[in-house]
Amino acid sequence: MFDEIQTEIAARLREHPYLATIDVMTEDKGDIEAGIRATLAKLGVAVTVMTVEADCDSPDSEPIGFGRISVIIEVAESVTANRAANGTGKPIGKICEAVFQAMSLHQSENRAYTIDKPSMAMVQPPPPATACRHLRFRTYGELPTMAARPIT
């Protein structure tokens, strides 16, 4: 369920023209730290979708239901690599603007949930990045439900 939301948001970001040449990763992609390092070295920019919180409305019911799920989209930049010949040349501020735009303009055809409460914070960049922002969004509405236990 959480990976479905991450995958859908990553697809939403990839559809934005300004973000189309940037690899958008999700936590489910494997060794995410190695992926971020490799993408920063190759393009100078890494965008990662992560699920950070979920409010469980019905922990004892089957299936488990959630009222709100918070997602962070991390935008990291290695300025030197990004401005080099192989980099994207797209500054972190403009990438963040495009992320906000993509998240606010896109309406999901497969889901009835809504993105709410956007915010942005400067955070410690993952190596070898020199700048990093966390763009936080909350979902509400008809969220996917967790499958009946056990999850395998």
N, C-alpha and C. Protein backbone atom coordinates (compact mmCIF):
# COMPACT_ATOMS: atom_id res chain seq x y z
N MET A 1 0.80 -1.18 0.00
CA MET A 1 0.00 0.00 0.00
C MET A 1 0.86 1.26 0.00
N PHE A 2 1.84 1.33 0.92
CA PHE A 2 2.70 2.51 0.96
C PHE A 2 3.51 2.62 -0.33
N ASP A 3 3.96 1.49 -0.85
CA ASP A 3 4.73 1.54 -2.09
C ASP A 3 3.85 1.96 -3.27
N GLU A 4 2.54 1.66 -3.21
CA GLU A 4 1.64 2.11 -4.27
C GLU A 4 1.58 3.63 -4.33
N ILE A 5 1.48 4.27 -3.16
CA ILE A 5 1.42 5.73 -3.12
C ILE A 5 2.74 6.31 -3.62
N GLN A 6 3.87 5.74 -3.17
CA GLN A 6 5.18 6.23 -3.63
C GLN A 6 5.30 6.09 -5.14
N THR A 7 4.92 4.95 -5.68
CA THR A 7 5.03 4.71 -7.11
C THR A 7 4.14 5.67 -7.90
N GLU A 8 2.93 5.92 -7.40
CA GLU A 8 2.03 6.84 -8.09
C GLU A 8 2.57 8.27 -8.07
N ILE A 9 3.12 8.69 -6.93
CA ILE A 9 3.67 10.04 -6.83
C ILE A 9 4.90 10.17 -7.72
N ALA A 10 5.76 9.14 -7.75
CA ALA A 10 6.94 9.18 -8.61
C ALA A 10 6.51 9.30 -10.08
N ALA A 11 5.48 8.58 -10.48
CA ALA A 11 4.98 8.67 -11.86
C ALA A 11 4.43 10.06 -12.14
N ARG A 12 3.75 10.64 -11.17
CA ARG A 12 3.21 11.99 -11.29
C ARG A 12 4.34 12.99 -11.52
N LEU A 13 5.44 12.84 -10.79
CA LEU A 13 6.58 13.75 -10.95
C LEU A 13 7.25 13.57 -12.31
N ARG A 14 7.38 12.33 -12.77
CA ARG A 14 8.02 12.06 -14.06
C ARG A 14 7.25 12.67 -15.23
N GLU A 15 5.93 12.88 -15.05
CA GLU A 15 5.11 13.45 -16.11
C GLU A 15 5.32 14.95 -16.27
N HIS A 16 5.87 15.61 -15.27
CA HIS A 16 6.09 17.05 -15.37
C HIS A 16 7.25 17.32 -16.33
N PRO A 17 7.09 18.20 -17.31
CA PRO A 17 8.14 18.43 -18.31
C PRO A 17 9.49 18.82 -17.72
N TYR A 18 9.50 19.61 -16.65
CA TYR A 18 10.78 20.06 -16.08
C TYR A 18 11.51 18.92 -15.37
N LEU A 19 10.76 17.92 -14.91
CA LEU A 19 11.35 16.81 -14.15
C LEU A 19 11.57 15.57 -15.00
N ALA A 20 11.18 15.61 -16.26
CA ALA A 20 11.21 14.42 -17.12
C ALA A 20 12.61 13.81 -17.29
N THR A 21 13.66 14.61 -17.20
CA THR A 21 15.02 14.09 -17.40
C THR A 21 15.69 13.71 -16.08
N ILE A 22 14.96 13.81 -14.98
CA ILE A 22 15.52 13.50 -13.65
C ILE A 22 14.98 12.15 -13.20
N ASP A 23 15.85 11.28 -12.71
CA ASP A 23 15.45 9.97 -12.21
C ASP A 23 14.77 10.15 -10.86
N VAL A 24 13.48 9.83 -10.78
CA VAL A 24 12.74 9.90 -9.52
C VAL A 24 12.71 8.50 -8.92
N MET A 25 13.26 8.37 -7.72
CA MET A 25 13.35 7.08 -7.06
C MET A 25 12.31 6.96 -5.96
N THR A 26 12.01 5.72 -5.57
CA THR A 26 11.18 5.45 -4.41
C THR A 26 11.98 4.59 -3.43
N GLU A 27 11.51 4.54 -2.20
CA GLU A 27 12.20 3.72 -1.19
C GLU A 27 12.24 2.25 -1.59
N ASP A 28 11.31 1.83 -2.40
CA ASP A 28 11.20 0.43 -2.78
C ASP A 28 12.17 0.03 -3.88
N LYS A 29 12.99 0.95 -4.34
CA LYS A 29 13.86 0.69 -5.49
C LYS A 29 15.06 -0.19 -5.14
N GLY A 30 15.30 -0.47 -3.88
CA GLY A 30 16.44 -1.29 -3.49
C GLY A 30 17.32 -0.53 -2.53
N ASP A 31 18.62 -0.58 -2.74
CA ASP A 31 19.56 0.14 -1.88
C ASP A 31 19.46 1.62 -2.22
N ILE A 32 18.58 2.31 -1.53
CA ILE A 32 18.27 3.69 -1.88
C ILE A 32 19.46 4.62 -1.67
N GLU A 33 20.27 4.37 -0.65
CA GLU A 33 21.45 5.23 -0.41
C GLU A 33 22.43 5.13 -1.56
N ALA A 34 22.68 3.92 -2.04
CA ALA A 34 23.58 3.74 -3.19
C ALA A 34 22.97 4.37 -4.44
N GLY A 35 21.65 4.25 -4.59
CA GLY A 35 20.98 4.85 -5.74
C GLY A 35 21.07 6.37 -5.73
N ILE A 36 20.92 6.97 -4.55
CA ILE A 36 21.04 8.42 -4.43
C ILE A 36 22.46 8.86 -4.77
N ARG A 37 23.46 8.16 -4.21
CA ARG A 37 24.86 8.50 -4.50
C ARG A 37 25.16 8.39 -5.99
N ALA A 38 24.70 7.31 -6.61
CA ALA A 38 24.96 7.10 -8.04
C ALA A 38 24.29 8.18 -8.89
N THR A 39 23.04 8.52 -8.56
CA THR A 39 22.32 9.54 -9.33
C THR A 39 22.95 10.91 -9.14
N LEU A 40 23.38 11.22 -7.92
CA LEU A 40 24.06 12.49 -7.68
C LEU A 40 25.35 12.57 -8.47
N ALA A 41 26.10 11.46 -8.52
CA ALA A 41 27.36 11.45 -9.26
C ALA A 41 27.12 11.59 -10.77
N LYS A 42 26.04 10.98 -11.26
CA LYS A 42 25.75 10.99 -12.70
C LYS A 42 25.11 12.31 -13.16
N LEU A 43 24.07 12.77 -12.45
CA LEU A 43 23.29 13.93 -12.89
C LEU A 43 23.45 15.16 -12.02
N GLY A 44 23.92 14.96 -10.78
CA GLY A 44 24.05 16.08 -9.86
C GLY A 44 22.78 16.36 -9.07
N VAL A 45 21.69 15.63 -9.36
CA VAL A 45 20.41 15.81 -8.67
C VAL A 45 19.79 14.44 -8.40
N ALA A 46 19.20 14.30 -7.21
CA ALA A 46 18.47 13.07 -6.88
C ALA A 46 17.13 13.47 -6.27
N VAL A 47 16.06 12.83 -6.75
CA VAL A 47 14.72 13.06 -6.21
C VAL A 47 14.20 11.71 -5.72
N THR A 48 13.81 11.66 -4.43
CA THR A 48 13.38 10.41 -3.82
C THR A 48 12.04 10.60 -3.11
N VAL A 49 11.11 9.69 -3.34
CA VAL A 49 9.80 9.71 -2.68
C VAL A 49 9.83 8.73 -1.52
N MET A 50 9.47 9.23 -0.32
CA MET A 50 9.51 8.40 0.89
C MET A 50 8.20 8.56 1.68
N THR A 51 7.71 7.46 2.27
CA THR A 51 6.57 7.51 3.18
C THR A 51 7.12 7.66 4.58
N VAL A 52 6.64 8.68 5.33
CA VAL A 52 7.23 8.93 6.64
C VAL A 52 6.27 8.74 7.81
N GLU A 53 4.97 8.91 7.59
CA GLU A 53 4.00 8.74 8.67
C GLU A 53 2.69 8.23 8.11
N ALA A 54 1.95 7.52 8.95
CA ALA A 54 0.61 7.08 8.59
C ALA A 54 -0.24 7.05 9.85
N ASP A 55 -1.41 7.69 9.79
CA ASP A 55 -2.35 7.69 10.90
C ASP A 55 -3.32 6.54 10.70
N CYS A 56 -3.26 5.56 11.60
CA CYS A 56 -4.10 4.38 11.49
C CYS A 56 -5.44 4.64 12.18
N ASP A 57 -6.51 4.64 11.39
CA ASP A 57 -7.84 4.90 11.92
C ASP A 57 -8.50 3.64 12.50
N SER A 58 -8.11 2.50 12.01
CA SER A 58 -8.77 1.26 12.44
C SER A 58 -7.75 0.12 12.58
N PRO A 59 -6.90 0.17 13.63
CA PRO A 59 -5.85 -0.84 13.76
C PRO A 59 -6.34 -2.25 14.01
N ASP A 60 -7.56 -2.40 14.52
CA ASP A 60 -8.05 -3.74 14.86
C ASP A 60 -8.97 -4.33 13.82
N SER A 61 -9.22 -3.60 12.74
CA SER A 61 -10.13 -4.11 11.72
C SER A 61 -9.33 -4.73 10.57
N GLU A 62 -10.02 -5.51 9.78
CA GLU A 62 -9.44 -6.09 8.57
C GLU A 62 -10.24 -5.59 7.38
N PRO A 63 -9.69 -4.98 6.39
CA PRO A 63 -8.29 -4.56 6.32
C PRO A 63 -8.06 -3.29 7.15
N ILE A 64 -6.80 -3.04 7.47
CA ILE A 64 -6.42 -1.87 8.26
C ILE A 64 -6.62 -0.62 7.40
N GLY A 65 -7.24 0.41 7.97
CA GLY A 65 -7.48 1.65 7.24
C GLY A 65 -6.65 2.79 7.78
N PHE A 66 -6.23 3.69 6.91
CA PHE A 66 -5.44 4.86 7.29
C PHE A 66 -6.19 6.12 6.92
N GLY A 67 -6.13 7.14 7.81
CA GLY A 67 -6.79 8.41 7.56
C GLY A 67 -5.90 9.38 6.81
N ARG A 68 -4.64 9.42 7.19
CA ARG A 68 -3.68 10.31 6.53
C ARG A 68 -2.34 9.59 6.40
N ILE A 69 -1.70 9.82 5.28
CA ILE A 69 -0.35 9.30 5.07
C ILE A 69 0.50 10.48 4.64
N SER A 70 1.65 10.66 5.31
CA SER A 70 2.56 11.75 4.96
C SER A 70 3.70 11.23 4.10
N VAL A 71 3.99 11.98 3.06
CA VAL A 71 5.04 11.62 2.11
C VAL A 71 6.04 12.77 2.05
N ILE A 72 7.32 12.42 2.01
CA ILE A 72 8.37 13.42 1.79
C ILE A 72 9.01 13.13 0.44
N ILE A 73 9.16 14.18 -0.33
CA ILE A 73 9.92 14.09 -1.58
C ILE A 73 11.23 14.82 -1.30
N GLU A 74 12.30 14.05 -1.29
CA GLU A 74 13.62 14.62 -1.02
C GLU A 74 14.26 15.04 -2.33
N VAL A 75 14.69 16.30 -2.38
CA VAL A 75 15.41 16.82 -3.55
C VAL A 75 16.81 17.17 -3.08
N ALA A 76 17.80 16.42 -3.59
CA ALA A 76 19.20 16.65 -3.22
C ALA A 76 19.98 17.08 -4.45
N GLU A 77 20.94 18.01 -4.23
CA GLU A 77 21.75 18.50 -5.34
C GLU A 77 23.22 18.53 -4.95
N SER A 78 24.04 18.04 -5.84
CA SER A 78 25.48 18.25 -5.78
C SER A 78 25.75 19.34 -6.80
N VAL A 79 25.91 20.56 -6.31
CA VAL A 79 25.94 21.73 -7.20
C VAL A 79 27.01 21.60 -8.27
N THR A 80 28.21 21.18 -7.91
CA THR A 80 29.30 21.06 -8.88
C THR A 80 28.96 20.07 -9.98
N ALA A 81 28.46 18.87 -9.59
CA ALA A 81 28.10 17.85 -10.59
C ALA A 81 26.90 18.29 -11.42
N ASN A 82 25.94 18.95 -10.78
CA ASN A 82 24.73 19.37 -11.49
C ASN A 82 25.02 20.44 -12.55
N ARG A 83 25.98 21.31 -12.29
CA ARG A 83 26.29 22.39 -13.23
C ARG A 83 27.35 21.99 -14.25
N ALA A 84 27.89 20.75 -14.12
CA ALA A 84 28.89 20.24 -15.07
C ALA A 84 28.19 19.83 -16.37
N ALA A 85 28.99 19.46 -17.37
CA ALA A 85 28.46 19.12 -18.70
C ALA A 85 27.43 17.99 -18.66
N ASN A 86 27.63 16.97 -17.80
CA ASN A 86 26.70 15.84 -17.74
C ASN A 86 25.55 16.05 -16.77
N GLY A 87 25.58 17.15 -16.00
CA GLY A 87 24.52 17.42 -15.03
C GLY A 87 23.25 17.92 -15.69
N THR A 88 22.22 18.08 -14.88
CA THR A 88 20.94 18.55 -15.42
C THR A 88 20.97 20.05 -15.67
N GLY A 89 21.79 20.79 -14.90
CA GLY A 89 21.81 22.24 -14.99
C GLY A 89 20.58 22.88 -14.37
N LYS A 90 19.73 22.07 -13.74
CA LYS A 90 18.49 22.57 -13.14
C LYS A 90 18.73 22.79 -11.64
N PRO A 91 18.63 24.03 -11.16
CA PRO A 91 18.90 24.31 -9.75
C PRO A 91 17.83 23.73 -8.83
N ILE A 92 18.22 23.46 -7.59
CA ILE A 92 17.34 22.82 -6.62
C ILE A 92 16.04 23.61 -6.41
N GLY A 93 16.12 24.92 -6.40
CA GLY A 93 14.92 25.73 -6.19
C GLY A 93 13.88 25.53 -7.27
N LYS A 94 14.32 25.48 -8.52
CA LYS A 94 13.38 25.28 -9.64
C LYS A 94 12.83 23.86 -9.64
N ILE A 95 13.66 22.89 -9.24
CA ILE A 95 13.17 21.51 -9.14
C ILE A 95 12.08 21.43 -8.08
N CYS A 96 12.30 22.08 -6.94
CA CYS A 96 11.29 22.10 -5.88
C CYS A 96 9.99 22.75 -6.36
N GLU A 97 10.10 23.84 -7.09
CA GLU A 97 8.91 24.50 -7.65
C GLU A 97 8.14 23.53 -8.56
N ALA A 98 8.88 22.79 -9.39
CA ALA A 98 8.23 21.85 -10.30
C ALA A 98 7.55 20.72 -9.53
N VAL A 99 8.18 20.27 -8.45
CA VAL A 99 7.57 19.22 -7.62
C VAL A 99 6.26 19.73 -7.03
N PHE A 100 6.28 20.93 -6.44
CA PHE A 100 5.04 21.50 -5.89
C PHE A 100 3.98 21.63 -6.98
N GLN A 101 4.38 22.08 -8.15
CA GLN A 101 3.44 22.23 -9.25
C GLN A 101 2.86 20.89 -9.68
N ALA A 102 3.71 19.89 -9.83
CA ALA A 102 3.25 18.56 -10.24
C ALA A 102 2.30 17.97 -9.21
N MET A 103 2.59 18.17 -7.95
CA MET A 103 1.76 17.60 -6.90
C MET A 103 0.42 18.32 -6.78
N SER A 104 0.39 19.61 -7.06
CA SER A 104 -0.86 20.34 -6.90
C SER A 104 -1.75 20.27 -8.13
N LEU A 105 -1.18 20.08 -9.30
CA LEU A 105 -1.96 20.10 -10.53
C LEU A 105 -2.49 18.73 -10.95
N HIS A 106 -1.82 17.69 -10.53
CA HIS A 106 -2.18 16.35 -11.00
C HIS A 106 -3.32 15.77 -10.17
N GLN A 107 -4.34 15.28 -10.82
CA GLN A 107 -5.42 14.56 -10.14
C GLN A 107 -5.31 13.09 -10.51
N SER A 108 -5.25 12.25 -9.50
CA SER A 108 -5.11 10.83 -9.73
C SER A 108 -6.39 10.25 -10.34
N GLU A 109 -6.22 9.46 -11.37
CA GLU A 109 -7.37 8.78 -11.96
C GLU A 109 -7.68 7.50 -11.22
N ASN A 110 -6.68 6.93 -10.54
CA ASN A 110 -6.87 5.64 -9.87
C ASN A 110 -7.24 5.78 -8.40
N ARG A 111 -7.09 6.96 -7.83
CA ARG A 111 -7.31 7.15 -6.40
C ARG A 111 -8.25 8.32 -6.18
N ALA A 112 -8.94 8.27 -5.06
CA ALA A 112 -9.82 9.38 -4.70
C ALA A 112 -9.21 10.22 -3.58
N TYR A 113 -7.93 10.03 -3.30
CA TYR A 113 -7.33 10.81 -2.23
C TYR A 113 -6.78 12.12 -2.74
N THR A 114 -6.60 13.05 -1.81
CA THR A 114 -6.16 14.40 -2.14
C THR A 114 -4.85 14.69 -1.43
N ILE A 115 -4.00 15.48 -2.07
CA ILE A 115 -2.75 15.93 -1.47
C ILE A 115 -3.03 17.24 -0.75
N ASP A 116 -2.53 17.35 0.49
CA ASP A 116 -2.83 18.50 1.32
C ASP A 116 -1.60 18.91 2.11
N LYS A 117 -1.61 20.11 2.66
CA LYS A 117 -0.60 20.62 3.58
C LYS A 117 0.82 20.54 3.04
N PRO A 118 1.11 21.11 1.87
CA PRO A 118 2.49 21.09 1.38
C PRO A 118 3.39 21.98 2.22
N SER A 119 4.62 21.53 2.43
CA SER A 119 5.61 22.35 3.14
C SER A 119 7.00 21.96 2.65
N MET A 120 7.99 22.81 2.93
CA MET A 120 9.37 22.55 2.51
C MET A 120 10.31 22.93 3.63
N ALA A 121 11.36 22.12 3.83
CA ALA A 121 12.36 22.41 4.85
C ALA A 121 13.74 22.07 4.30
N MET A 122 14.74 22.88 4.69
CA MET A 122 16.12 22.59 4.36
C MET A 122 16.61 21.53 5.35
N VAL A 123 17.28 20.48 4.85
CA VAL A 123 17.79 19.40 5.70
C VAL A 123 19.24 19.10 5.35
N GLN A 124 19.88 18.33 6.20
CA GLN A 124 21.26 17.90 5.97
C GLN A 124 21.32 17.07 4.70
N PRO A 125 22.14 17.45 3.72
CA PRO A 125 22.18 16.70 2.46
C PRO A 125 22.89 15.35 2.61
N PRO A 126 22.41 14.34 1.89
CA PRO A 126 23.11 13.06 1.88
C PRO A 126 24.38 13.19 1.04
N PRO A 127 25.48 12.58 1.45
CA PRO A 127 26.71 12.68 0.66
C PRO A 127 26.50 12.08 -0.73
N PRO A 128 27.01 12.64 -1.78
CA PRO A 128 27.88 13.79 -1.90
C PRO A 128 27.14 15.10 -2.19
N ALA A 129 25.84 15.17 -1.87
CA ALA A 129 25.06 16.39 -2.14
C ALA A 129 25.56 17.55 -1.29
N THR A 130 25.34 18.75 -1.78
CA THR A 130 25.71 19.96 -1.05
C THR A 130 24.48 20.76 -0.62
N ALA A 131 23.31 20.40 -1.12
CA ALA A 131 22.06 21.05 -0.74
C ALA A 131 20.94 20.01 -0.77
N CYS A 132 19.95 20.18 0.12
CA CYS A 132 18.86 19.21 0.18
C CYS A 132 17.61 19.87 0.76
N ARG A 133 16.47 19.52 0.19
CA ARG A 133 15.18 20.00 0.68
C ARG A 133 14.24 18.81 0.84
N HIS A 134 13.44 18.86 1.89
CA HIS A 134 12.36 17.89 2.07
C HIS A 134 11.04 18.60 1.80
N LEU A 135 10.31 18.12 0.81
CA LEU A 135 8.99 18.65 0.47
C LEU A 135 7.98 17.66 1.02
N ARG A 136 7.18 18.11 1.96
CA ARG A 136 6.26 17.21 2.68
C ARG A 136 4.82 17.45 2.22
N PHE A 137 4.11 16.34 2.02
CA PHE A 137 2.71 16.37 1.62
C PHE A 137 1.94 15.36 2.46
N ARG A 138 0.70 15.69 2.79
CA ARG A 138 -0.18 14.74 3.47
C ARG A 138 -1.30 14.36 2.52
N THR A 139 -1.74 13.12 2.63
CA THR A 139 -2.86 12.64 1.83
C THR A 139 -4.07 12.49 2.74
N TYR A 140 -5.24 12.68 2.19
CA TYR A 140 -6.47 12.36 2.90
C TYR A 140 -7.53 11.99 1.88
N GLY A 141 -8.59 11.39 2.36
CA GLY A 141 -9.64 10.96 1.45
C GLY A 141 -9.69 9.46 1.39
N GLU A 142 -10.00 8.93 0.24
CA GLU A 142 -10.10 7.48 0.08
C GLU A 142 -8.72 6.90 -0.17
N LEU A 143 -8.05 6.55 0.92
CA LEU A 143 -6.71 5.99 0.82
C LEU A 143 -6.78 4.49 0.61
N PRO A 144 -5.74 3.92 0.05
CA PRO A 144 -5.72 2.47 -0.07
C PRO A 144 -5.68 1.84 1.31
N THR A 145 -6.21 0.65 1.44
CA THR A 145 -6.19 -0.05 2.72
C THR A 145 -5.13 -1.12 2.71
N MET A 146 -4.60 -1.41 3.88
CA MET A 146 -3.57 -2.43 4.00
C MET A 146 -4.22 -3.81 3.86
N ALA A 147 -3.56 -4.66 3.16
CA ALA A 147 -4.08 -6.02 2.94
C ALA A 147 -4.24 -6.75 4.26
N ALA A 148 -5.12 -7.73 4.28
CA ALA A 148 -5.32 -8.53 5.47
C ALA A 148 -4.00 -9.18 5.89
N ARG A 149 -3.80 -9.29 7.18
CA ARG A 149 -2.55 -9.87 7.69
C ARG A 149 -2.49 -11.35 7.32
N PRO A 150 -1.39 -12.00 7.21
CA PRO A 150 -0.05 -11.42 7.25
C PRO A 150 0.37 -10.91 5.87
N ILE A 151 1.26 -9.93 5.89
CA ILE A 151 1.82 -9.41 4.65
C ILE A 151 3.08 -10.19 4.36
N THR A 152 3.18 -10.71 3.16
CA THR A 152 4.35 -11.54 2.84
C THR A 152 5.15 -10.90 1.73
